[in-house]
Structures are given as C-alpha cells and as structure tokens.
N, C-alpha and C. Protein backbone atom coordinates (compact mmCIF):
# COMPACT_ATOMS: atom_id res chain seq x y z
N MET A 1 -4.97 -25.86 38.28
CA MET A 1 -5.32 -25.20 39.51
C MET A 1 -4.66 -23.93 39.78
N ASN A 2 -3.05 -24.01 39.28
CA ASN A 2 -2.18 -22.83 39.18
C ASN A 2 -2.83 -21.70 38.08
N ASN A 3 -3.22 -22.31 36.95
CA ASN A 3 -3.94 -21.38 35.83
C ASN A 3 -5.15 -20.84 36.28
N LEU A 4 -5.89 -21.63 36.96
CA LEU A 4 -7.18 -21.01 37.48
C LEU A 4 -6.81 -19.49 38.31
N GLY A 5 -5.95 -20.11 39.21
CA GLY A 5 -5.46 -18.70 40.28
C GLY A 5 -4.95 -17.84 39.34
N TRP A 6 -4.13 -17.84 38.29
CA TRP A 6 -3.73 -16.83 37.41
C TRP A 6 -4.51 -16.06 36.68
N LEU A 7 -5.77 -16.76 36.43
CA LEU A 7 -6.85 -16.20 35.46
C LEU A 7 -7.62 -15.33 36.78
N TYR A 8 -7.79 -15.71 37.83
CA TYR A 8 -8.49 -15.02 38.59
C TYR A 8 -7.53 -13.59 38.93
N GLY A 9 -6.15 -13.85 39.24
CA GLY A 9 -5.34 -12.77 39.91
C GLY A 9 -5.22 -11.89 38.70
N HIS A 10 -5.40 -12.06 37.63
CA HIS A 10 -4.95 -11.26 36.52
C HIS A 10 -6.63 -10.42 36.00
N GLY A 11 -7.80 -10.87 36.50
CA GLY A 11 -9.00 -10.59 36.20
C GLY A 11 -9.39 -11.05 34.85
N LEU A 12 -8.71 -12.02 34.20
CA LEU A 12 -9.26 -12.63 32.85
C LEU A 12 -10.24 -13.32 32.70
N GLY A 13 -11.21 -13.07 32.14
CA GLY A 13 -12.88 -13.58 32.18
C GLY A 13 -13.81 -13.00 33.50
N GLY A 14 -13.25 -12.09 34.06
CA GLY A 14 -13.66 -11.31 35.04
C GLY A 14 -13.23 -10.48 35.98
N ALA A 15 -13.73 -10.08 37.12
CA ALA A 15 -13.14 -9.08 37.77
C ALA A 15 -11.88 -9.75 38.39
N ARG A 16 -10.81 -8.98 38.66
CA ARG A 16 -9.77 -9.47 39.41
C ARG A 16 -10.13 -9.92 40.81
N ASP A 17 -9.72 -11.23 41.29
CA ASP A 17 -10.26 -11.73 42.60
C ASP A 17 -9.04 -12.37 43.03
N TYR A 18 -8.07 -11.70 44.00
CA TYR A 18 -6.68 -12.00 44.59
C TYR A 18 -7.25 -13.38 45.55
N ASP A 19 -8.30 -13.36 46.20
CA ASP A 19 -8.80 -14.10 47.43
C ASP A 19 -8.91 -15.81 46.40
N LYS A 20 -9.63 -15.37 45.48
CA LYS A 20 -9.68 -16.88 44.41
C LYS A 20 -8.53 -17.35 44.03
N ALA A 21 -7.65 -16.22 43.67
CA ALA A 21 -6.40 -16.51 43.04
C ALA A 21 -5.65 -17.16 43.86
N ARG A 22 -5.45 -16.98 45.30
CA ARG A 22 -4.70 -17.50 46.43
C ARG A 22 -5.42 -18.84 46.76
N GLU A 23 -6.68 -18.93 46.69
CA GLU A 23 -7.26 -20.66 47.07
C GLU A 23 -6.63 -21.13 45.92
N TRP A 24 -6.66 -21.01 44.68
CA TRP A 24 -6.40 -22.12 43.57
C TRP A 24 -4.64 -22.05 43.65
N TYR A 25 -3.80 -21.32 43.92
CA TYR A 25 -2.54 -21.24 43.80
C TYR A 25 -1.94 -22.11 45.27
N GLN A 26 -2.84 -22.03 46.19
CA GLN A 26 -2.77 -22.79 47.53
C GLN A 26 -3.00 -24.17 47.11
N LYS A 27 -3.88 -24.43 46.32
CA LYS A 27 -4.21 -25.94 45.91
C LYS A 27 -3.06 -26.50 44.97
N ALA A 28 -2.46 -25.51 44.20
CA ALA A 28 -1.68 -25.97 43.18
C ALA A 28 -0.23 -26.40 44.20
N ALA A 29 0.09 -25.64 44.75
CA ALA A 29 0.99 -25.62 45.79
C ALA A 29 1.17 -26.95 46.42
N GLU A 30 -0.18 -27.24 47.21
CA GLU A 30 -0.37 -28.19 48.02
C GLU A 30 -0.03 -29.37 47.20
N ALA A 31 -0.50 -29.24 45.83
CA ALA A 31 -0.36 -30.33 44.86
C ALA A 31 0.99 -30.82 44.80
N GLY A 32 1.96 -29.84 44.96
CA GLY A 32 3.39 -30.06 44.69
C GLY A 32 3.56 -28.94 43.36
N ASN A 33 2.88 -28.35 42.82
CA ASN A 33 3.04 -27.49 41.66
C ASN A 33 3.95 -26.30 41.98
N PRO A 34 5.41 -26.33 41.43
CA PRO A 34 6.26 -25.14 41.97
C PRO A 34 5.51 -23.58 41.56
N ALA A 35 4.94 -23.73 40.09
CA ALA A 35 4.50 -22.32 39.65
C ALA A 35 3.35 -21.83 40.79
N GLY A 36 2.44 -22.70 41.29
CA GLY A 36 1.56 -22.48 42.37
C GLY A 36 2.24 -21.83 43.75
N MET A 37 3.47 -22.35 43.85
CA MET A 37 4.26 -22.08 45.30
C MET A 37 4.98 -20.64 44.92
N ILE A 38 5.35 -20.54 43.70
CA ILE A 38 5.95 -19.11 43.39
C ILE A 38 4.84 -18.13 43.38
N ASN A 39 3.50 -18.50 42.73
CA ASN A 39 2.73 -17.33 42.94
C ASN A 39 2.04 -17.03 44.18
N LEU A 40 1.99 -17.93 44.94
CA LEU A 40 1.57 -17.72 46.57
C LEU A 40 2.72 -16.80 46.94
N GLY A 41 3.94 -17.30 46.93
CA GLY A 41 5.19 -16.21 47.21
C GLY A 41 5.11 -14.70 46.71
N TRP A 42 4.69 -14.79 45.59
CA TRP A 42 4.29 -13.48 44.88
C TRP A 42 3.52 -12.70 45.56
N LEU A 43 2.37 -13.31 45.83
CA LEU A 43 1.16 -12.50 46.50
C LEU A 43 1.76 -12.00 47.94
N TYR A 44 2.31 -12.64 48.57
CA TYR A 44 3.10 -12.32 49.91
C TYR A 44 3.83 -11.38 49.62
N GLU A 45 4.96 -11.40 48.66
CA GLU A 45 5.78 -10.39 48.47
C GLU A 45 5.25 -9.01 48.16
N TYR A 46 4.33 -8.90 47.07
CA TYR A 46 3.75 -7.89 46.88
C TYR A 46 2.51 -7.31 47.38
N SER A 47 1.90 -7.92 48.23
CA SER A 47 0.86 -7.78 49.00
C SER A 47 -0.41 -7.60 48.25
N ARG A 48 -0.69 -8.68 47.33
CA ARG A 48 -1.89 -8.59 46.66
C ARG A 48 -2.91 -9.60 47.34
N GLY A 49 -3.82 -9.11 47.77
CA GLY A 49 -5.10 -9.54 48.33
C GLY A 49 -4.69 -10.29 49.81
N VAL A 50 -3.38 -10.11 50.40
CA VAL A 50 -2.77 -10.58 51.67
C VAL A 50 -2.05 -9.61 52.21
N ALA A 51 -1.83 -9.65 53.43
CA ALA A 51 -0.76 -8.79 54.30
C ALA A 51 0.47 -9.09 53.61
N GLN A 52 1.48 -8.04 53.32
CA GLN A 52 2.61 -8.05 52.85
C GLN A 52 3.58 -8.82 54.13
N ASP A 53 4.18 -10.33 53.82
CA ASP A 53 4.64 -10.91 54.55
C ASP A 53 6.17 -11.54 53.52
N TYR A 54 6.98 -10.84 53.89
CA TYR A 54 8.27 -11.34 53.19
C TYR A 54 8.59 -12.75 53.89
N ASP A 55 8.47 -13.34 55.01
CA ASP A 55 8.67 -14.64 55.54
C ASP A 55 8.08 -15.58 54.53
N LYS A 56 6.49 -15.38 54.70
CA LYS A 56 5.87 -16.25 53.87
C LYS A 56 6.09 -16.50 52.23
N ALA A 57 6.65 -15.31 51.47
CA ALA A 57 7.29 -15.16 50.34
C ALA A 57 8.26 -16.07 50.44
N ARG A 58 9.44 -16.02 51.14
CA ARG A 58 10.36 -16.62 51.01
C ARG A 58 10.11 -17.99 51.16
N GLU A 59 9.09 -18.20 52.39
CA GLU A 59 8.89 -19.83 52.57
C GLU A 59 8.57 -20.61 51.08
N TRP A 60 7.73 -20.03 50.63
CA TRP A 60 6.87 -20.33 49.30
C TRP A 60 8.13 -20.54 48.08
N TYR A 61 8.67 -19.42 48.01
CA TYR A 61 9.65 -19.52 46.86
C TYR A 61 10.72 -20.73 47.28
N GLN A 62 11.25 -20.91 48.80
CA GLN A 62 12.20 -21.98 49.10
C GLN A 62 11.78 -23.30 48.58
N LYS A 63 10.25 -23.35 48.83
CA LYS A 63 9.72 -24.94 48.59
C LYS A 63 10.11 -24.94 47.13
N ALA A 64 9.65 -23.94 46.58
CA ALA A 64 9.99 -24.30 44.83
C ALA A 64 11.13 -24.35 44.56
N ALA A 65 12.20 -23.61 45.28
CA ALA A 65 13.49 -23.65 44.72
C ALA A 65 13.98 -25.38 45.02
N ASP A 66 13.50 -25.39 46.36
CA ASP A 66 13.92 -26.98 46.77
C ASP A 66 13.39 -27.97 45.69
N ALA A 67 12.27 -27.99 45.01
CA ALA A 67 12.02 -28.71 43.88
C ALA A 67 12.68 -28.34 42.55
N GLY A 68 13.59 -27.57 42.70
CA GLY A 68 14.47 -27.53 41.60
C GLY A 68 14.05 -26.27 40.51
N ASN A 69 13.37 -25.57 40.91
CA ASN A 69 12.85 -24.50 40.12
C ASN A 69 13.49 -23.01 39.94
N ALA A 70 13.85 -23.16 38.82
CA ALA A 70 15.01 -21.99 38.82
C ALA A 70 14.41 -20.50 38.86
N GLU A 71 13.07 -20.17 38.37
CA GLU A 71 12.41 -19.11 38.63
C GLU A 71 12.31 -18.57 40.30
N ALA A 72 11.88 -19.53 40.92
CA ALA A 72 12.15 -19.49 42.41
C ALA A 72 13.27 -19.07 43.04
N MET A 73 14.50 -19.57 42.47
CA MET A 73 15.76 -19.23 42.56
C MET A 73 16.07 -17.90 42.59
N TYR A 74 15.42 -17.40 41.57
CA TYR A 74 15.77 -15.91 40.79
C TYR A 74 14.73 -15.05 42.11
N TYR A 75 13.82 -15.28 42.41
CA TYR A 75 12.95 -14.49 43.49
C TYR A 75 13.70 -14.55 44.80
N LEU A 76 14.24 -15.68 45.08
CA LEU A 76 14.94 -15.40 46.42
C LEU A 76 16.22 -14.80 46.23
N GLY A 77 17.00 -14.78 45.28
CA GLY A 77 18.05 -13.81 45.19
C GLY A 77 17.48 -12.06 44.97
N GLY A 78 16.39 -11.91 44.72
CA GLY A 78 15.78 -10.72 44.44
C GLY A 78 15.26 -10.23 45.99
N LEU A 79 15.02 -11.29 47.09
CA LEU A 79 14.63 -10.90 48.40
C LEU A 79 16.02 -10.52 48.98
N TYR A 80 17.07 -11.33 48.88
CA TYR A 80 18.59 -10.86 49.38
C TYR A 80 19.10 -9.69 48.58
N GLU A 81 18.83 -9.47 47.48
CA GLU A 81 19.45 -8.37 46.72
C GLU A 81 18.90 -7.10 47.31
N TYR A 82 17.49 -6.95 47.74
CA TYR A 82 16.93 -5.76 48.00
C TYR A 82 16.50 -5.89 49.53
N GLY A 83 16.73 -6.82 50.05
CA GLY A 83 16.76 -6.94 51.71
C GLY A 83 15.36 -6.48 52.07
N LYS A 84 14.42 -7.66 51.50
CA LYS A 84 13.22 -7.86 51.69
C LYS A 84 12.85 -8.78 52.76
N GLY A 85 12.64 -8.25 53.98
CA GLY A 85 12.39 -9.45 55.15
C GLY A 85 13.50 -9.84 56.01
N PHE A 86 14.76 -8.91 55.42
CA PHE A 86 15.88 -9.55 56.45
C PHE A 86 16.90 -8.59 55.93
N ALA A 87 18.47 -8.43 56.29
CA ALA A 87 19.29 -7.84 55.63
C ALA A 87 19.78 -7.84 54.28
N GLN A 88 19.88 -6.90 53.70
CA GLN A 88 20.44 -6.94 52.32
C GLN A 88 21.46 -7.58 52.40
N ASP A 89 21.90 -8.66 51.38
CA ASP A 89 23.13 -9.70 51.36
C ASP A 89 23.34 -9.81 50.01
N TYR A 90 24.18 -9.06 49.04
CA TYR A 90 24.68 -9.29 47.88
C TYR A 90 25.30 -10.49 47.56
N ASP A 91 25.97 -11.40 48.65
CA ASP A 91 26.28 -12.21 48.28
C ASP A 91 25.90 -13.53 48.39
N LYS A 92 24.74 -13.49 49.20
CA LYS A 92 23.54 -14.70 49.04
C LYS A 92 22.63 -14.33 47.82
N ALA A 93 22.22 -13.20 47.45
CA ALA A 93 21.87 -12.80 46.17
C ALA A 93 22.63 -13.14 45.07
N ARG A 94 23.82 -13.14 45.04
CA ARG A 94 24.59 -13.89 43.84
C ARG A 94 24.46 -15.59 44.04
N GLU A 95 24.44 -15.84 44.97
CA GLU A 95 24.52 -17.22 45.27
C GLU A 95 22.96 -17.83 44.65
N TRP A 96 21.99 -17.08 44.93
CA TRP A 96 21.02 -17.66 44.35
C TRP A 96 20.58 -17.30 42.95
N TYR A 97 21.26 -16.10 42.55
CA TYR A 97 20.92 -15.67 41.20
C TYR A 97 21.61 -16.93 40.34
N GLN A 98 22.95 -17.08 41.18
CA GLN A 98 23.77 -18.30 40.18
C GLN A 98 23.12 -19.43 39.89
N LYS A 99 22.77 -20.23 40.98
CA LYS A 99 21.50 -21.08 40.92
C LYS A 99 20.55 -21.22 39.87
N ALA A 100 19.90 -19.98 39.88
CA ALA A 100 19.07 -19.85 38.70
C ALA A 100 19.56 -19.90 37.32
N ALA A 101 20.62 -19.03 37.32
CA ALA A 101 21.12 -18.78 35.97
C ALA A 101 21.72 -20.26 35.55
N ASN A 102 22.05 -21.05 36.64
CA ASN A 102 22.52 -22.66 36.16
C ASN A 102 21.40 -23.34 35.51
N GLY A 103 20.13 -22.94 36.11
CA GLY A 103 19.11 -23.51 35.71
C GLY A 103 18.36 -23.03 34.66
N GLY A 104 19.02 -21.95 33.99
CA GLY A 104 18.61 -21.60 32.64
C GLY A 104 17.73 -20.16 32.87
N ASN A 105 17.52 -19.57 34.15
CA ASN A 105 16.82 -18.35 34.06
C ASN A 105 17.43 -17.23 33.70
N ARG A 106 17.19 -16.73 32.48
CA ARG A 106 17.95 -15.32 31.78
C ARG A 106 17.76 -14.26 32.52
N ASP A 107 16.90 -13.78 33.40
CA ASP A 107 16.79 -12.92 34.34
C ASP A 107 17.97 -12.76 35.35
N ALA A 108 17.94 -14.03 35.79
CA ALA A 108 19.07 -14.25 36.76
C ALA A 108 20.50 -13.99 36.29
N LYS A 109 20.84 -14.06 35.23
CA LYS A 109 22.02 -13.86 34.38
C LYS A 109 22.31 -12.12 34.61
N LYS A 110 21.06 -11.82 34.12
CA LYS A 110 21.17 -9.97 34.18
C LYS A 110 21.25 -9.41 35.35
N ALA A 111 20.89 -10.13 36.48
CA ALA A 111 20.95 -9.67 37.79
C ALA A 111 22.57 -9.94 38.28
N LEU A 112 23.08 -11.29 37.90
CA LEU A 112 24.59 -11.43 38.09
C LEU A 112 25.18 -10.13 37.73
N VAL A 113 25.27 -9.98 36.33
CA VAL A 113 25.95 -8.77 35.64
C VAL A 113 25.54 -7.45 36.44
N ARG A 114 24.27 -7.16 37.01
CA ARG A 114 24.12 -6.02 37.56
C ARG A 114 24.93 -5.85 38.96
N LEU A 115 24.84 -7.09 39.74
CA LEU A 115 25.64 -7.09 40.91
C LEU A 115 27.00 -7.31 40.75
N ARG A 116 27.80 -7.18 39.76
CA ARG A 116 29.15 -7.06 39.58
C ARG A 116 29.46 -5.65 40.41
N GLN A 117 28.56 -4.64 40.11
CA GLN A 117 29.07 -3.44 40.30
C GLN A 117 28.83 -3.02 42.09
N LYS A 118 28.20 -3.97 42.53
CA LYS A 118 27.61 -3.77 44.13
C LYS A 118 28.77 -4.92 44.99
C-alpha cells in the first residue's frame, strides 16, 4: 500500500496524483506501516496535495516514532530544529536526532554535528 502511494506521489507509471498517494499512504498507515505514516507526515509538512499542517505532520511522524522508526524520529527533530508548527527548540531537536542516530539514521548523525554550533 505504501509503495502504491509512493508511485502515485512521484508520478511513476503515470501522472503525479497526490490524492491517490494520500489514500494509499493512509491505508498503509492504518495497517500499522511506519513508512505510510512518515509519508503522510511528509505530505502535510510540505503541503503536497493537502493544506500544510504541521500538527498533522507531527502526529504522523510521532506515530511512526512510537513504533520505533528512526526516520520518523529524524523528521521530528527537523520540526523542532526549524520551528515548524511550534517554537524552535534545539534541545528537543537534539533529543530526537539522538534517538534517530541511536536507531541508525545517518542523517540524524549529521544533524547532531550541525547543531553543535547552535
């Protein structure tokens, strides 16, 4: 289900269709697939086929993070680092990036290095 959403969201095999992508990501998320949750969060964070809604992005990222997904933890760190939807909070960003790094997310390790200067 998540993969179908990804195909629609990237226009592979036809025209890009964020509505269909969201439908399939939603089905994947409801089935407990963390990748579907992350992709729904991404649609809301970057306003792709939906109104930009940082609260919904955070909600979906949080659900995936609660399932132990390091990529979702990285995205939560980004919301805090850049103050998307709430006050910018480098300490919270570091906390989420550290959790993501502990889970093996390489981008989170880079983000921790970047935040040393802030």
